[in-house]
Amino acid sequence: MVNILCYGDSNTYGYDPETGLRYPKDVRWTGVLQNILGSDYNVIEEGLNGRTTVFDDPNDDWKNGLDYVRGIVCTHRPVDVFVVMLGTNDLKACFGASPEEITSGLGKVIVSALDTLEKKQGFRPKVLIVSPVVLTDVENGPFAASFDAGSVERSKHLAGCYGVLSKKLMASFLNAAEVTPPSKTDGVHLDRKGHKLLGTAIGYTLLKNVC
């Protein structure tokens, strides 16, 4: 059995932009991924709404991805593959983080996870970095209080920075923005079609390059 831990934010949790609730398991990209890979693989969901890489949310100080990653990876060990898709919440106006700063934060999360697992399970998992979708028109949507036009512009540059990071860490890489846009409802979260497309793309990427 190959254990695949998916560490992310609301788009890994499966936030439904139409209802504010959670998509059913088979709709979420992680569920799509499980169906593609089959019974020889165990896809583990660790998505949290609002999770950042290293930033402390002023309203919820427990959403810092670096603070929690060590406990989470140890909870699910052995972890054979670590899939990480973070960075969207780092684009919030309150953080003012550049794409380079967000990438640095993601690197810290990944290295922390790898170092911890090497110590606790005796080997480092393979890694797939997924850069998030590009934000669209968020300043006029339901999340206008969190994101602005600058967030949209900075989101366009994450993929390039993440690609460089993936080479540095010898990780596989997938640009979600090349797979699907966010929903038209809020410009941040995936719709049902987006989840299906992303889960399929991640599945084929893992089968080709990682698993």
C-alpha atoms as a PDB file:
ATOM      1  CA  MET A   1       0.000   0.000   0.000  1.00  0.00           C
ATOM      2  CA  VAL A   2       1.373   3.411  -1.006  1.00  0.00           C
ATOM      3  CA  ASN A   3       0.317   6.185   1.375  1.00  0.00           C
ATOM      4  CA  ILE A   4      -0.132   9.579  -0.282  1.00  0.00           C
ATOM      5  CA  LEU A   5      -0.563  12.511   2.106  1.00  0.00           C
ATOM      6  CA  CYS A   6      -2.201  15.585   0.552  1.00  0.00           C
ATOM      7  CA  TYR A   7      -1.430  18.724   2.569  1.00  0.00           C
ATOM      8  CA  GLY A   8      -3.264  21.866   1.562  1.00  0.00           C
ATOM      9  CA  ASP A   9      -5.885  24.507   2.195  1.00  0.00           C
ATOM     10  CA  SER A  10      -9.572  24.886   1.330  1.00  0.00           C
ATOM     11  CA  ASN A  11      -9.085  23.600  -2.205  1.00  0.00           C
ATOM     12  CA  THR A  12      -7.772  20.350  -0.707  1.00  0.00           C
ATOM     13  CA  TYR A  13     -10.487  20.352   1.938  1.00  0.00           C
ATOM     14  CA  GLY A  14     -13.046  20.662  -0.850  1.00  0.00           C
ATOM     15  CA  TYR A  15     -14.732  23.983  -0.081  1.00  0.00           C
ATOM     16  CA  ASP A  16     -17.823  24.459  -2.238  1.00  0.00           C
ATOM     17  CA  PRO A  17     -17.987  28.103  -3.408  1.00  0.00           C
ATOM     18  CA  GLU A  18     -21.715  27.795  -4.094  1.00  0.00           C
ATOM     19  CA  THR A  19     -22.756  26.691  -0.613  1.00  0.00           C
ATOM     20  CA  GLY A  20     -19.798  27.366   1.677  1.00  0.00           C
ATOM     21  CA  LEU A  21     -19.975  23.714   2.713  1.00  0.00           C
ATOM     22  CA  ARG A  22     -17.805  20.769   1.668  1.00  0.00           C
ATOM     23  CA  TYR A  23     -18.021  18.794  -1.546  1.00  0.00           C
ATOM     24  CA  PRO A  24     -18.719  15.054  -1.174  1.00  0.00           C
ATOM     25  CA  LYS A  25     -15.644  12.856  -1.009  1.00  0.00           C
ATOM     26  CA  ASP A  26     -15.979  11.558  -4.554  1.00  0.00           C
ATOM     27  CA  VAL A  27     -16.194  15.127  -5.919  1.00  0.00           C
ATOM     28  CA  ARG A  28     -13.101  16.453  -4.148  1.00  0.00           C
ATOM     29  CA  TRP A  29      -9.865  16.184  -6.137  1.00  0.00           C
ATOM     30  CA  THR A  30      -8.473  13.869  -3.502  1.00  0.00           C
ATOM     31  CA  GLY A  31     -11.412  11.524  -4.059  1.00  0.00           C
ATOM     32  CA  VAL A  32     -10.952  11.728  -7.812  1.00  0.00           C
ATOM     33  CA  LEU A  33      -7.280  10.908  -7.267  1.00  0.00           C
ATOM     34  CA  GLN A  34      -8.153   7.875  -5.147  1.00  0.00           C
ATOM     35  CA  ASN A  35     -10.470   6.551  -7.842  1.00  0.00           C
ATOM     36  CA  ILE A  36      -7.775   6.948 -10.496  1.00  0.00           C
ATOM     37  CA  LEU A  37      -5.021   5.277  -8.487  1.00  0.00           C
ATOM     38  CA  GLY A  38      -7.095   2.410  -7.156  1.00  0.00           C
ATOM     39  CA  SER A  39      -6.893   0.165  -4.127  1.00  0.00           C
ATOM     40  CA  ASP A  40      -3.112  -0.160  -4.061  1.00  0.00           C
ATOM     41  CA  TYR A  41      -2.916   3.482  -2.975  1.00  0.00           C
ATOM     42  CA  ASN A  42      -4.238   5.249   0.110  1.00  0.00           C
ATOM     43  CA  VAL A  43      -4.959   8.952  -0.443  1.00  0.00           C
ATOM     44  CA  ILE A  44      -4.981  10.855   2.843  1.00  0.00           C
ATOM     45  CA  GLU A  45      -6.746  14.237   2.966  1.00  0.00           C
ATOM     46  CA  GLU A  46      -5.241  16.990   5.113  1.00  0.00           C
ATOM     47  CA  GLY A  47      -6.891  20.151   3.824  1.00  0.00           C
ATOM     48  CA  LEU A  48      -7.755  23.078   6.082  1.00  0.00           C
ATOM     49  CA  ASN A  49      -9.662  26.203   5.106  1.00  0.00           C
ATOM     50  CA  GLY A  50      -7.378  29.226   5.406  1.00  0.00           C
ATOM     51  CA  ARG A  51      -4.132  27.305   5.874  1.00  0.00           C
ATOM     52  CA  THR A  52      -1.015  29.325   4.988  1.00  0.00           C
ATOM     53  CA  THR A  53       2.594  28.257   4.571  1.00  0.00           C
ATOM     54  CA  VAL A  54       4.237  30.131   7.465  1.00  0.00           C
ATOM     55  CA  PHE A  55       1.990  33.128   8.160  1.00  0.00           C
ATOM     56  CA  ASP A  56      -0.161  33.545  11.260  1.00  0.00           C
ATOM     57  CA  ASP A  57      -3.709  34.496  10.326  1.00  0.00           C
ATOM     58  CA  PRO A  58      -4.746  37.496  12.448  1.00  0.00           C
ATOM     59  CA  ASN A  59      -8.152  35.908  13.045  1.00  0.00           C
ATOM     60  CA  ASP A  60      -7.167  32.239  13.321  1.00  0.00           C
ATOM     61  CA  ASP A  61      -3.648  31.744  14.650  1.00  0.00           C
ATOM     62  CA  TRP A  62      -3.843  27.980  14.256  1.00  0.00           C
ATOM     63  CA  LYS A  63      -3.724  27.930  10.446  1.00  0.00           C
ATOM     64  CA  ASN A  64       0.030  28.271  10.022  1.00  0.00           C
ATOM     65  CA  GLY A  65       1.019  25.281   7.881  1.00  0.00           C
ATOM     66  CA  LEU A  66       4.558  25.100   9.221  1.00  0.00           C
ATOM     67  CA  ASP A  67       3.410  24.856  12.831  1.00  0.00           C
ATOM     68  CA  TYR A  68       1.322  21.758  12.227  1.00  0.00           C
ATOM     69  CA  VAL A  69       3.052  19.828   9.488  1.00  0.00           C
ATOM     70  CA  ARG A  70       5.323  17.752  11.717  1.00  0.00           C
ATOM     71  CA  GLY A  71       2.475  16.402  13.819  1.00  0.00           C
ATOM     72  CA  ILE A  72       0.331  15.743  10.783  1.00  0.00           C
ATOM     73  CA  VAL A  73       2.953  13.789   8.856  1.00  0.00           C
ATOM     74  CA  CYS A  74       3.737  11.714  11.919  1.00  0.00           C
ATOM     75  CA  THR A  75       0.034  11.007  12.466  1.00  0.00           C
ATOM     76  CA  HIS A  76      -0.148   9.351   9.069  1.00  0.00           C
ATOM     77  CA  ARG A  77       3.236   7.691   8.792  1.00  0.00           C
ATOM     78  CA  PRO A  78       4.453   5.826   6.939  1.00  0.00           C
ATOM     79  CA  VAL A  79       4.107   8.519   4.277  1.00  0.00           C
ATOM     80  CA  ASP A  80       5.400   7.444   0.884  1.00  0.00           C
ATOM     81  CA  VAL A  81       4.349  10.508  -1.113  1.00  0.00           C
ATOM     82  CA  PHE A  82       3.832  14.063   0.144  1.00  0.00           C
ATOM     83  CA  VAL A  83       1.605  16.186  -2.106  1.00  0.00           C
ATOM     84  CA  VAL A  84       1.492  19.837  -1.077  1.00  0.00           C
ATOM     85  CA  MET A  85      -0.650  22.627  -2.505  1.00  0.00           C
ATOM     86  CA  LEU A  86      -0.410  25.816  -0.458  1.00  0.00           C
ATOM     87  CA  GLY A  87       0.071  29.519  -1.139  1.00  0.00           C
ATOM     88  CA  THR A  88      -3.376  30.873  -1.966  1.00  0.00           C
ATOM     89  CA  ASN A  89      -4.039  32.195   1.527  1.00  0.00           C
ATOM     90  CA  ASP A  90      -0.558  33.706   1.674  1.00  0.00           C
ATOM     91  CA  LEU A  91      -1.770  36.034  -1.092  1.00  0.00           C
ATOM     92  CA  LYS A  92      -4.177  37.778   1.267  1.00  0.00           C
ATOM     93  CA  ALA A  93      -3.690  41.526   1.400  1.00  0.00           C
ATOM     94  CA  CYS A  94      -3.019  41.489   5.146  1.00  0.00           C
ATOM     95  CA  PHE A  95       0.225  39.534   4.641  1.00  0.00           C
ATOM     96  CA  GLY A  96       1.575  41.531   1.702  1.00  0.00           C
ATOM     97  CA  ALA A  97       3.802  38.581   0.848  1.00  0.00           C
ATOM     98  CA  SER A  98       5.681  38.473  -2.425  1.00  0.00           C
ATOM     99  CA  PRO A  99       5.706  35.303  -4.557  1.00  0.00           C
ATOM    100  CA  GLU A 100       9.307  34.748  -3.466  1.00  0.00           C
ATOM    101  CA  GLU A 101       8.391  35.018   0.220  1.00  0.00           C
ATOM    102  CA  ILE A 102       5.489  32.609  -0.239  1.00  0.00           C
ATOM    103  CA  THR A 103       7.777  30.175  -2.024  1.00  0.00           C
ATOM    104  CA  SER A 104      10.298  30.419   0.784  1.00  0.00           C
ATOM    105  CA  GLY A 105       7.540  29.595   3.239  1.00  0.00           C
ATOM    106  CA  LEU A 106       6.468  26.587   1.216  1.00  0.00           C
ATOM    107  CA  GLY A 107      10.047  25.369   1.146  1.00  0.00           C
ATOM    108  CA  LYS A 108      10.206  25.524   4.925  1.00  0.00           C
ATOM    109  CA  VAL A 109       7.021  23.462   5.194  1.00  0.00           C
ATOM    110  CA  ILE A 110       8.333  20.790   2.850  1.00  0.00           C
ATOM    111  CA  VAL A 111      11.776  20.566   4.445  1.00  0.00           C
ATOM    112  CA  SER A 112      10.208  20.325   7.899  1.00  0.00           C
ATOM    113  CA  ALA A 113       7.983  17.473   6.734  1.00  0.00           C
ATOM    114  CA  LEU A 114      10.832  15.628   5.031  1.00  0.00           C
ATOM    115  CA  ASP A 115      13.295  16.009   7.890  1.00  0.00           C
ATOM    116  CA  THR A 116      10.709  14.869  10.422  1.00  0.00           C
ATOM    117  CA  LEU A 117       9.708  11.818   8.415  1.00  0.00           C
ATOM    118  CA  GLU A 118      13.297  10.841   7.735  1.00  0.00           C
ATOM    119  CA  LYS A 119      13.886  10.832  11.482  1.00  0.00           C
ATOM    120  CA  LYS A 120      10.624   9.134  12.476  1.00  0.00           C
ATOM    121  CA  GLN A 121      10.082   6.606   9.697  1.00  0.00           C
ATOM    122  CA  GLY A 122      13.609   6.154   8.383  1.00  0.00           C
ATOM    123  CA  PHE A 123      13.128   7.525   4.876  1.00  0.00           C
ATOM    124  CA  ARG A 124      12.040  10.678   3.097  1.00  0.00           C
ATOM    125  CA  PRO A 125       8.864  10.516   1.008  1.00  0.00           C
ATOM    126  CA  LYS A 126       8.714  11.556  -2.603  1.00  0.00           C
ATOM    127  CA  VAL A 127       7.245  15.027  -3.094  1.00  0.00           C
ATOM    128  CA  LEU A 128       4.818  16.576  -5.558  1.00  0.00           C
ATOM    129  CA  ILE A 129       4.508  20.374  -5.382  1.00  0.00           C
ATOM    130  CA  VAL A 130       1.287  21.733  -6.856  1.00  0.00           C
ATOM    131  CA  SER A 131       1.175  25.477  -7.440  1.00  0.00           C
ATOM    132  CA  PRO A 132      -2.365  26.810  -6.866  1.00  0.00           C
ATOM    133  CA  VAL A 133      -4.796  28.211  -9.402  1.00  0.00           C
ATOM    134  CA  VAL A 134      -4.504  31.867 -10.388  1.00  0.00           C
ATOM    135  CA  LEU A 135      -7.032  34.089  -8.636  1.00  0.00           C
ATOM    136  CA  THR A 136      -9.631  35.866 -10.757  1.00  0.00           C
ATOM    137  CA  ASP A 137     -11.612  39.008  -9.974  1.00  0.00           C
ATOM    138  CA  VAL A 138     -11.534  38.357  -6.225  1.00  0.00           C
ATOM    139  CA  GLU A 139     -11.679  42.041  -5.366  1.00  0.00           C
ATOM    140  CA  ASN A 140     -15.299  42.084  -6.561  1.00  0.00           C
ATOM    141  CA  GLY A 141     -16.335  38.762  -5.046  1.00  0.00           C
ATOM    142  CA  PRO A 142     -17.273  37.352  -1.643  1.00  0.00           C
ATOM    143  CA  PHE A 143     -13.628  37.326  -0.491  1.00  0.00           C
ATOM    144  CA  ALA A 144     -12.937  40.960  -1.338  1.00  0.00           C
ATOM    145  CA  ALA A 145     -12.204  41.659   2.322  1.00  0.00           C
ATOM    146  CA  SER A 146      -9.236  39.278   2.158  1.00  0.00           C
ATOM    147  CA  PHE A 147      -7.882  39.546  -1.384  1.00  0.00           C
ATOM    148  CA  ASP A 148      -7.299  42.524  -3.656  1.00  0.00           C
ATOM    149  CA  ALA A 149      -6.046  43.224  -7.173  1.00  0.00           C
ATOM    150  CA  GLY A 150      -2.473  42.823  -5.931  1.00  0.00           C
ATOM    151  CA  SER A 151      -3.332  39.314  -4.760  1.00  0.00           C
ATOM    152  CA  VAL A 152      -4.470  38.435  -8.257  1.00  0.00           C
ATOM    153  CA  GLU A 153      -1.290  39.773  -9.826  1.00  0.00           C
ATOM    154  CA  ARG A 154       0.989  37.999  -7.366  1.00  0.00           C
ATOM    155  CA  SER A 155      -0.865  34.714  -7.864  1.00  0.00           C
ATOM    156  CA  LYS A 156       0.261  34.731 -11.500  1.00  0.00           C
ATOM    157  CA  HIS A 157       3.898  34.409 -10.447  1.00  0.00           C
ATOM    158  CA  LEU A 158       3.671  31.543  -7.961  1.00  0.00           C
ATOM    159  CA  ALA A 159       4.020  28.785 -10.552  1.00  0.00           C
ATOM    160  CA  GLY A 160       7.347  30.098 -11.804  1.00  0.00           C
ATOM    161  CA  CYS A 161       8.739  30.355  -8.295  1.00  0.00           C
ATOM    162  CA  TYR A 162       7.389  26.950  -7.273  1.00  0.00           C
ATOM    163  CA  GLY A 163       8.933  25.388 -10.349  1.00  0.00           C
ATOM    164  CA  VAL A 164      12.345  26.629  -9.266  1.00  0.00           C
ATOM    165  CA  LEU A 165      11.734  25.320  -5.741  1.00  0.00           C
ATOM    166  CA  SER A 166      10.749  21.895  -7.059  1.00  0.00           C
ATOM    167  CA  LYS A 167      14.075  21.598  -8.890  1.00  0.00           C
ATOM    168  CA  LYS A 168      15.963  22.690  -5.786  1.00  0.00           C
ATOM    169  CA  LEU A 169      14.219  20.055  -3.673  1.00  0.00           C
ATOM    170  CA  MET A 170      14.259  17.427  -6.456  1.00  0.00           C
ATOM    171  CA  ALA A 171      10.487  17.241  -6.271  1.00  0.00           C
ATOM    172  CA  SER A 172       7.918  16.710  -9.011  1.00  0.00           C
ATOM    173  CA  PHE A 173       5.839  19.722 -10.018  1.00  0.00           C
ATOM    174  CA  LEU A 174       2.375  20.464 -11.381  1.00  0.00           C
ATOM    175  CA  ASN A 175       0.930  23.883 -12.174  1.00  0.00           C
ATOM    176  CA  ALA A 176      -2.773  23.750 -11.278  1.00  0.00           C
ATOM    177  CA  ALA A 177      -3.362  26.988 -13.197  1.00  0.00           C
ATOM    178  CA  GLU A 178      -2.607  25.097 -16.405  1.00  0.00           C
ATOM    179  CA  VAL A 179      -5.242  22.518 -15.485  1.00  0.00           C
ATOM    180  CA  THR A 180      -8.204  24.615 -14.374  1.00  0.00           C
ATOM    181  CA  PRO A 181      -9.246  28.143 -13.391  1.00  0.00           C
ATOM    182  CA  PRO A 182     -11.045  28.785 -10.110  1.00  0.00           C
ATOM    183  CA  SER A 183     -14.812  28.984 -10.049  1.00  0.00           C
ATOM    184  CA  LYS A 184     -16.543  32.044 -11.425  1.00  0.00           C
ATOM    185  CA  THR A 185     -18.494  32.224  -8.173  1.00  0.00           C
ATOM    186  CA  ASP A 186     -15.638  33.507  -6.014  1.00  0.00           C
ATOM    187  CA  GLY A 187     -12.451  33.413  -8.112  1.00  0.00           C
ATOM    188  CA  VAL A 188     -10.632  31.402  -5.436  1.00  0.00           C
ATOM    189  CA  HIS A 189     -12.101  27.936  -5.059  1.00  0.00           C
ATOM    190  CA  LEU A 190     -12.512  25.095  -7.501  1.00  0.00           C
ATOM    191  CA  ASP A 191     -15.891  24.096  -8.845  1.00  0.00           C
ATOM    192  CA  ARG A 192     -16.850  20.463  -9.419  1.00  0.00           C
ATOM    193  CA  LYS A 193     -15.297  20.381 -12.867  1.00  0.00           C
ATOM    194  CA  GLY A 194     -12.110  21.934 -11.530  1.00  0.00           C
ATOM    195  CA  HIS A 195     -11.786  19.249  -8.867  1.00  0.00           C
ATOM    196  CA  LYS A 196     -12.219  16.513 -11.454  1.00  0.00           C
ATOM    197  CA  LEU A 197      -9.633  18.055 -13.753  1.00  0.00           C
ATOM    198  CA  LEU A 198      -7.117  18.640 -10.982  1.00  0.00           C
ATOM    199  CA  GLY A 199      -7.529  15.199  -9.412  1.00  0.00           C
ATOM    200  CA  THR A 200      -7.037  13.612 -12.817  1.00  0.00           C
ATOM    201  CA  ALA A 201      -3.938  15.690 -13.562  1.00  0.00           C
ATOM    202  CA  ILE A 202      -2.387  14.925 -10.188  1.00  0.00           C
ATOM    203  CA  GLY A 203      -3.150  11.256 -10.646  1.00  0.00           C
ATOM    204  CA  TYR A 204      -1.410  10.988 -13.982  1.00  0.00           C
ATOM    205  CA  THR A 205       1.493  13.094 -12.706  1.00  0.00           C
ATOM    206  CA  LEU A 206       1.981  10.771  -9.746  1.00  0.00           C
ATOM    207  CA  LEU A 207       1.760   7.629 -11.870  1.00  0.00           C
ATOM    208  CA  LYS A 208       4.220   8.999 -14.412  1.00  0.00           C
ATOM    209  CA  ASN A 209       6.779  10.698 -12.188  1.00  0.00           C
ATOM    210  CA  VAL A 210       6.366   9.704  -8.549  1.00  0.00           C
ATOM    211  CA  CYS A 211       4.651   6.413  -7.756  1.00  0.00           C
END
